Amino acid sequence: MSRNRRIKRPASKSAGNASKGASKRARSELIYGFHPVLAALNNPARQKQRLMLTKEAKKSLANEVAERNALPNAAQPDLESALTNSHTVARAEIDNALPQGSVHQGFLLQCAPLAAPDFEECCAPDAGGAPLVLLDQVSDPHNVGAILRSAAAFGARAVILPERHSPSATGVLAKAASGALETVPLLRVTNLARSMRDLKDMGYWLTGLDSGTDILLSSAALKQPVALVLGAEGSGLRRLTRENCDTLAAIKMSSSMHSLNVSNAAAIALYQLTINM
């Protein structure tokens, strides 16, 4: 196999259209890195097309399968099948398929985009009062991926963001999510303000993070379940988004710092919500 052969890149369209017939069948995405690829292989909803591994990565995956199979009642037939049907390639071939500087660890999975989740099904409040996360024009895929990772860690139901001014579920986002893209629904909505009103009707208490308010999240009187609303760095929440929040709250910080990276703020806020629940 030629070291210079390039894998066809997926079309850069919104994942919100992933479930639309022929478009979904014609498209593919590239997921890379050990944890994102492993999570995708374990996700039955993910249609896998081609798994490419370097020799070293193939050994790592074989060791992972062996370790899992050694656990009681923990056979991994999907992983075993993926390993058997994988393609061993040179590292340069994976390098050429991805943006320069991508940390892939020798793992590259070509797969179909995930189908768009159902809004009502994903957001219906559960008995435990799990929160939702809403993002208002957060455009950096690294930040969205990191927020997905925190959402998975703290048991959030889903992450919701507008179709416009939001990143696609590309390999960059999946890498930053470290597998959470496969477990936490990523919902794209046409109108964020209207979706916020729908969530209110479903019983959610919309809490916007705003460093300009004197109300601290740690002491705010919040009703369960909470939908946490975060805005883009710098501009923060848009006016209409702010107006649709039930409460605006801030994270307590030193006076020497006025704001946090949005993904860090999400992690701290989600942790605070777990304490308050």
Protein backbone atom coordinates (compact mmCIF):
# COMPACT_ATOMS: atom_id res chain seq x y z
CA MET A 1 0.00 0.00 0.00
CA SER A 2 1.41 3.37 -0.98
CA ARG A 3 2.56 5.55 1.86
CA ASN A 4 1.31 8.62 -0.02
CA ARG A 5 -2.22 7.38 -0.60
CA ARG A 6 -4.77 9.78 0.87
CA ILE A 7 -8.04 8.75 2.44
CA LYS A 8 -10.98 10.72 1.13
CA ARG A 9 -12.02 13.33 3.64
CA PRO A 10 -15.63 13.52 4.79
CA ALA A 11 -17.81 16.36 3.55
CA SER A 12 -17.87 19.29 5.97
CA LYS A 13 -21.64 19.46 6.47
CA SER A 14 -23.57 19.82 9.70
CA ALA A 15 -24.15 16.61 11.61
CA GLY A 16 -27.70 17.81 12.08
CA ASN A 17 -28.51 16.51 8.60
CA ALA A 18 -26.92 13.12 9.23
CA SER A 19 -30.16 11.19 9.13
CA LYS A 20 -31.37 12.44 5.76
CA GLY A 21 -31.38 9.47 3.41
CA ALA A 22 -28.83 9.41 0.63
CA SER A 23 -26.78 12.20 2.17
CA LYS A 24 -26.06 10.05 5.20
CA ARG A 25 -25.17 7.02 3.09
CA ALA A 26 -22.80 9.03 0.91
CA ARG A 27 -20.91 10.71 3.75
CA SER A 28 -18.29 9.49 6.14
CA GLU A 29 -16.38 10.90 9.07
CA LEU A 30 -12.90 10.26 10.38
CA ILE A 31 -12.58 9.52 14.10
CA TYR A 32 -9.05 9.26 15.44
CA GLY A 33 -7.22 8.58 18.69
CA PHE A 34 -7.36 5.58 21.02
CA HIS A 35 -10.30 6.56 23.26
CA PRO A 36 -12.54 8.13 20.56
CA VAL A 37 -12.05 5.16 18.21
CA LEU A 38 -12.59 2.62 20.99
CA ALA A 39 -15.81 4.35 22.03
CA ALA A 40 -17.03 4.47 18.42
CA LEU A 41 -16.28 0.76 17.96
CA ASN A 42 -18.31 0.01 21.09
CA ASN A 43 -21.25 2.15 19.96
CA PRO A 44 -23.83 -0.05 18.17
CA ALA A 45 -25.44 3.07 16.68
CA ARG A 46 -22.21 3.96 14.85
CA GLN A 47 -21.89 2.45 11.35
CA LYS A 48 -18.25 1.52 10.95
CA GLN A 49 -16.73 1.50 7.48
CA ARG A 50 -12.97 1.03 7.75
CA LEU A 51 -10.64 0.77 10.72
CA MET A 52 -6.99 1.66 10.08
CA LEU A 53 -4.28 0.90 12.63
CA THR A 54 -0.54 1.12 12.72
CA LYS A 55 1.25 -2.02 13.89
CA GLU A 56 1.71 -0.52 17.34
CA ALA A 57 -1.95 0.52 17.56
CA LYS A 58 -3.07 -2.95 16.50
CA LYS A 59 -1.07 -4.42 19.39
CA SER A 60 -2.65 -1.92 21.78
CA LEU A 61 -6.15 -2.82 20.60
CA ALA A 62 -5.36 -6.55 20.87
CA ASN A 63 -4.20 -6.00 24.46
CA GLU A 64 -7.36 -4.04 25.22
CA VAL A 65 -9.54 -6.86 23.87
CA ALA A 66 -7.59 -9.45 25.88
CA GLU A 67 -7.90 -7.44 29.09
CA ARG A 68 -11.64 -6.98 28.64
CA ASN A 69 -12.20 -10.62 27.78
CA ALA A 70 -10.39 -11.60 30.98
CA LEU A 71 -13.11 -9.91 33.03
CA PRO A 72 -16.15 -12.00 34.08
CA ASN A 73 -18.95 -11.93 31.49
CA ALA A 74 -17.19 -9.19 29.54
CA ALA A 75 -16.59 -10.67 26.09
CA GLN A 76 -16.14 -8.00 23.40
CA PRO A 77 -17.31 -9.55 20.11
CA ASP A 78 -17.62 -6.17 18.39
CA LEU A 79 -14.07 -5.21 19.31
CA GLU A 80 -12.78 -8.63 18.33
CA SER A 81 -14.49 -8.37 14.94
CA ALA A 82 -13.15 -4.84 14.43
CA LEU A 83 -9.64 -6.03 15.25
CA THR A 84 -9.90 -8.98 12.87
CA ASN A 85 -11.17 -6.82 10.01
CA SER A 86 -8.86 -3.86 10.59
CA HIS A 87 -6.31 -2.65 8.04
CA THR A 88 -2.68 -2.26 9.06
CA VAL A 89 -1.26 0.92 7.56
CA ALA A 90 1.84 3.07 7.85
CA ARG A 91 1.64 6.02 10.24
CA ALA A 92 2.22 8.36 7.29
CA GLU A 93 -1.04 7.23 5.70
CA ILE A 94 -3.00 8.28 8.77
CA ASP A 95 -1.01 11.52 9.01
CA ASN A 96 -1.94 12.36 5.41
CA ALA A 97 -5.64 11.75 6.05
CA LEU A 98 -5.90 14.15 8.98
CA PRO A 99 -5.22 17.83 9.68
CA GLN A 100 -1.59 18.54 10.40
CA GLY A 101 -0.69 17.96 14.04
CA SER A 102 -3.59 15.61 14.80
CA VAL A 103 -2.68 13.29 17.68
CA HIS A 104 -4.09 10.00 16.40
CA GLN A 105 -1.94 7.44 18.28
CA GLY A 106 -2.11 5.19 15.22
CA PHE A 107 -5.93 4.83 15.31
CA LEU A 108 -8.22 6.01 12.50
CA LEU A 109 -11.82 4.95 11.96
CA GLN A 110 -13.80 5.86 8.88
CA CYS A 111 -17.49 5.71 9.77
CA ALA A 112 -20.94 7.12 9.01
CA PRO A 113 -22.16 10.15 10.98
CA LEU A 114 -24.41 9.45 13.93
CA ALA A 115 -28.11 9.91 13.29
CA ALA A 116 -29.62 13.11 14.70
CA PRO A 117 -31.03 12.39 18.18
CA ASP A 118 -34.70 13.03 18.97
CA PHE A 119 -35.13 16.21 21.03
CA GLU A 120 -38.05 15.13 23.21
CA GLU A 121 -36.66 11.66 23.82
CA CYS A 122 -33.23 12.93 24.88
CA CYS A 123 -34.48 15.85 26.96
CA ALA A 124 -37.41 14.28 28.80
CA PRO A 125 -36.58 14.79 32.51
CA ASP A 126 -35.54 11.65 34.33
CA ALA A 127 -36.16 10.59 37.92
CA GLY A 128 -32.69 11.64 39.00
CA GLY A 129 -33.03 15.23 37.74
CA ALA A 130 -30.04 14.98 35.38
CA PRO A 131 -29.12 18.37 33.87
CA LEU A 132 -28.92 19.51 30.28
CA VAL A 133 -26.23 21.74 28.77
CA LEU A 134 -27.09 24.42 26.21
CA LEU A 135 -24.39 26.23 24.25
CA ASP A 136 -25.04 29.63 22.72
CA GLN A 137 -22.75 30.06 19.70
CA VAL A 138 -19.79 28.17 21.16
CA SER A 139 -17.89 27.62 17.92
CA ASP A 140 -14.59 25.98 18.89
CA PRO A 141 -14.76 22.17 18.38
CA HIS A 142 -12.17 21.66 21.12
CA ASN A 143 -14.43 23.45 23.61
CA VAL A 144 -17.57 21.59 22.52
CA GLY A 145 -15.71 18.28 22.74
CA ALA A 146 -14.39 19.10 26.21
CA ILE A 147 -17.90 20.07 27.32
CA LEU A 148 -19.24 16.75 26.04
CA ARG A 149 -16.57 15.00 28.10
CA SER A 150 -17.64 16.88 31.24
CA ALA A 151 -21.30 16.21 30.44
CA ALA A 152 -20.53 12.49 30.37
CA ALA A 153 -18.54 12.69 33.59
CA PHE A 154 -21.32 14.44 35.51
CA GLY A 155 -24.30 12.62 34.02
CA ALA A 156 -25.86 15.32 31.82
CA ARG A 157 -28.69 14.13 29.58
CA ALA A 158 -27.52 15.91 26.43
CA VAL A 159 -25.65 18.89 25.01
CA ILE A 160 -27.75 21.24 22.87
CA LEU A 161 -26.43 23.83 20.43
CA PRO A 162 -27.79 25.81 17.48
CA GLU A 163 -27.25 24.53 13.96
CA ARG A 164 -25.64 27.84 12.94
CA HIS A 165 -22.35 29.09 14.41
CA SER A 166 -21.57 25.68 15.91
CA PRO A 167 -18.90 23.15 14.92
CA SER A 168 -19.65 19.89 13.13
CA ALA A 169 -19.03 16.59 14.88
CA THR A 170 -15.67 16.12 13.22
CA GLY A 171 -12.67 14.13 14.38
CA VAL A 172 -11.32 17.22 16.17
CA LEU A 173 -14.47 17.45 18.31
CA ALA A 174 -14.54 13.68 18.85
CA LYS A 175 -10.89 13.68 19.93
CA ALA A 176 -11.52 16.44 22.48
CA ALA A 177 -14.58 14.55 23.74
CA SER A 178 -12.42 11.45 24.36
CA GLY A 179 -15.28 9.05 23.62
CA ALA A 180 -18.16 11.12 25.03
CA LEU A 181 -19.51 11.88 21.53
CA GLU A 182 -20.67 8.26 21.45
CA THR A 183 -22.47 8.38 24.81
CA VAL A 184 -23.87 11.91 25.25
CA PRO A 185 -26.44 13.05 22.65
CA LEU A 186 -25.35 16.15 20.74
CA LEU A 187 -28.54 17.92 19.69
CA ARG A 188 -28.65 20.65 17.06
CA VAL A 189 -31.67 22.94 17.03
CA THR A 190 -32.80 25.53 14.52
CA ASN A 191 -33.83 28.14 17.10
CA LEU A 192 -32.16 28.07 20.52
CA ALA A 193 -34.59 30.52 22.14
CA ARG A 194 -37.60 28.48 21.03
CA SER A 195 -35.95 25.29 22.29
CA MET A 196 -35.36 26.99 25.65
CA ARG A 197 -39.06 27.75 25.89
CA ASP A 198 -39.83 24.13 25.03
CA LEU A 199 -37.52 22.99 27.82
CA LYS A 200 -39.33 25.28 30.27
CA ASP A 201 -42.59 23.60 29.29
CA MET A 202 -40.92 20.25 30.03
CA GLY A 203 -40.09 21.44 33.54
CA TYR A 204 -36.46 22.59 33.24
CA TRP A 205 -35.09 25.55 35.19
CA LEU A 206 -32.89 27.46 32.74
CA THR A 207 -29.77 28.74 34.45
CA GLY A 208 -27.42 30.96 32.44
CA LEU A 209 -23.80 31.42 33.45
CA ASP A 210 -22.98 35.13 33.58
CA SER A 211 -19.91 36.54 35.30
CA GLY A 212 -21.64 39.93 35.61
CA THR A 213 -24.25 38.86 38.16
CA ASP A 214 -23.86 38.89 41.94
CA ILE A 215 -25.78 35.61 42.32
CA LEU A 216 -23.37 32.70 42.79
CA LEU A 217 -24.19 29.31 41.32
CA SER A 218 -23.15 27.66 44.58
CA SER A 219 -25.89 29.46 46.52
CA ALA A 220 -28.53 30.14 43.85
CA ALA A 221 -32.05 28.85 44.48
CA LEU A 222 -32.40 26.46 41.55
CA LYS A 223 -35.31 24.18 40.76
CA GLN A 224 -34.66 20.71 39.41
CA PRO A 225 -34.02 19.67 36.73
CA VAL A 226 -31.59 22.36 35.55
CA ALA A 227 -30.70 23.28 31.99
CA LEU A 228 -27.30 24.99 32.16
CA VAL A 229 -26.83 27.68 29.49
CA LEU A 230 -23.34 28.85 28.48
CA GLY A 231 -22.36 31.52 25.97
CA ALA A 232 -19.35 32.03 23.77
CA GLU A 233 -16.15 33.33 25.31
CA GLY A 234 -15.94 37.09 25.14
CA SER A 235 -19.47 37.83 23.95
CA GLY A 236 -21.20 35.60 26.48
CA LEU A 237 -24.93 34.93 26.26
CA ARG A 238 -26.89 36.74 23.56
CA ARG A 239 -29.70 39.07 24.66
CA LEU A 240 -32.57 36.75 23.70
CA THR A 241 -30.82 33.80 25.32
CA ARG A 242 -30.37 35.77 28.56
CA GLU A 243 -34.01 36.83 28.54
CA ASN A 244 -35.16 33.22 28.27
CA CYS A 245 -33.16 32.12 31.32
CA ASP A 246 -34.96 31.74 34.66
CA THR A 247 -31.79 32.60 36.59
CA LEU A 248 -28.40 34.09 35.83
CA ALA A 249 -25.58 32.89 38.07
CA ALA A 250 -21.82 33.24 38.31
CA ILE A 251 -19.01 30.93 39.35
CA LYS A 252 -17.10 32.25 42.37
CA MET A 253 -13.59 33.27 41.29
CA SER A 254 -10.68 35.36 42.46
CA SER A 255 -11.01 39.06 41.70
CA SER A 256 -7.84 38.81 39.59
CA MET A 257 -9.69 36.71 36.99
CA HIS A 258 -12.86 37.85 35.24
CA SER A 259 -13.76 34.80 33.16
CA LEU A 260 -12.98 31.16 32.44
CA ASN A 261 -12.64 29.14 29.28
CA VAL A 262 -16.18 27.99 28.48
CA SER A 263 -15.29 24.30 28.75
CA ASN A 264 -13.71 24.86 32.19
CA ALA A 265 -16.77 26.84 33.29
CA ALA A 266 -19.04 24.01 32.13
CA ALA A 267 -17.07 21.42 34.10
CA ILE A 268 -17.13 23.50 37.30
CA ALA A 269 -20.83 24.32 36.92
CA LEU A 270 -21.82 20.71 36.27
CA TYR A 271 -19.84 19.62 39.32
CA GLN A 272 -21.59 22.29 41.39
CA LEU A 273 -24.97 21.05 40.18
CA THR A 274 -24.15 17.51 41.31
CA ILE A 275 -23.41 18.84 44.79
CA ASN A 276 -26.68 20.80 44.87
CA MET A 277 -28.84 17.92 43.65
